[in-house]
Amino acid sequence: MKLTHLDPYDSRRAAAYPDVGDQLDAIWKALEQLPTLPPDTSAMLQQIRQVKADYPKPPPSAGASLSGEPT
């Protein structure tokens, strides 16, 4: 009889999820669309907006290729 070892479902499931940062970004973008938020949530959203304003994402062609080498 041949035994087959399977990884536990939790490690396969964890590996299949999108990056946590991408998940959080999607949640915050959805929350931005709501007309009102609880005060704590609104304050956190404002902090996130401020960080994004202070440190904007560079455009894709900002001097580096996908390999990380300068273009």
Protein backbone atom coordinates (compact mmCIF):
# COMPACT_ATOMS: atom_id res chain seq x y z
CA MET A 1 0.00 0.00 0.00
CA LYS A 2 1.39 3.37 -1.02
CA LEU A 3 0.94 6.28 1.39
CA THR A 4 0.74 9.81 0.09
CA HIS A 5 1.61 12.66 2.41
CA LEU A 6 -0.41 15.80 1.82
CA ASP A 7 0.52 19.17 3.24
CA PRO A 8 -1.97 20.42 5.76
CA TYR A 9 -4.69 22.47 4.13
CA ASP A 10 -3.75 25.57 6.11
CA SER A 11 -0.30 26.01 4.54
CA ARG A 12 -1.71 25.52 1.02
CA ARG A 13 -4.55 27.91 1.79
CA ALA A 14 -2.19 30.55 3.22
CA ALA A 15 0.04 30.34 0.15
CA ALA A 16 -2.97 30.81 -2.17
CA TYR A 17 -4.18 34.06 -0.61
CA PRO A 18 -3.16 37.40 -2.12
CA ASP A 19 -0.49 39.40 -0.32
CA VAL A 20 -1.78 40.88 2.96
CA GLY A 21 -0.92 44.38 1.77
CA ASP A 22 -3.04 43.87 -1.35
CA GLN A 23 -5.91 42.58 0.79
CA LEU A 24 -5.76 45.58 3.10
CA ASP A 25 -5.52 48.00 0.19
CA ALA A 26 -8.69 46.52 -1.33
CA ILE A 27 -10.51 46.79 2.01
CA TRP A 28 -9.53 50.43 2.53
CA LYS A 29 -10.49 51.32 -1.04
CA ALA A 30 -13.92 49.77 -0.43
CA LEU A 31 -14.30 51.63 2.88
CA GLU A 32 -13.53 54.93 1.13
CA GLN A 33 -16.73 54.47 -0.86
CA LEU A 34 -18.98 54.34 2.21
CA PRO A 35 -20.82 57.52 3.19
CA THR A 36 -19.91 57.31 6.88
CA LEU A 37 -17.43 55.36 8.97
CA PRO A 38 -17.00 54.88 12.71
CA PRO A 39 -14.60 57.49 14.16
CA ASP A 40 -11.72 55.05 14.71
CA THR A 41 -12.02 53.68 11.19
CA SER A 42 -12.23 57.16 9.72
CA ALA A 43 -9.10 58.21 11.63
CA MET A 44 -7.19 55.16 10.38
CA LEU A 45 -8.29 55.83 6.81
CA GLN A 46 -7.07 59.42 7.14
CA GLN A 47 -3.67 58.15 8.36
CA ILE A 48 -3.44 55.83 5.37
CA ARG A 49 -4.33 58.65 2.98
CA GLN A 50 -1.67 60.85 4.57
CA VAL A 51 1.04 58.19 4.25
CA LYS A 52 0.12 57.66 0.59
CA ALA A 53 0.25 61.44 0.02
CA ASP A 54 3.62 61.74 1.80
CA TYR A 55 5.15 58.76 -0.01
CA PRO A 56 3.45 58.41 -3.40
CA LYS A 57 4.02 55.29 -5.47
CA PRO A 58 6.38 56.04 -8.36
CA PRO A 59 5.07 55.49 -11.86
CA PRO A 60 5.98 52.10 -13.41
CA SER A 61 8.55 53.67 -15.75
CA ALA A 62 10.44 55.60 -13.05
CA GLY A 63 13.89 54.49 -14.16
CA ALA A 64 13.98 50.77 -13.39
CA SER A 65 12.97 47.68 -15.29
CA LEU A 66 11.15 44.73 -13.79
CA SER A 67 14.53 43.10 -13.15
CA GLY A 68 15.53 46.02 -10.94
CA GLU A 69 18.18 47.17 -13.40
CA PRO A 70 18.14 50.88 -14.35
CA THR A 71 16.69 51.60 -17.77
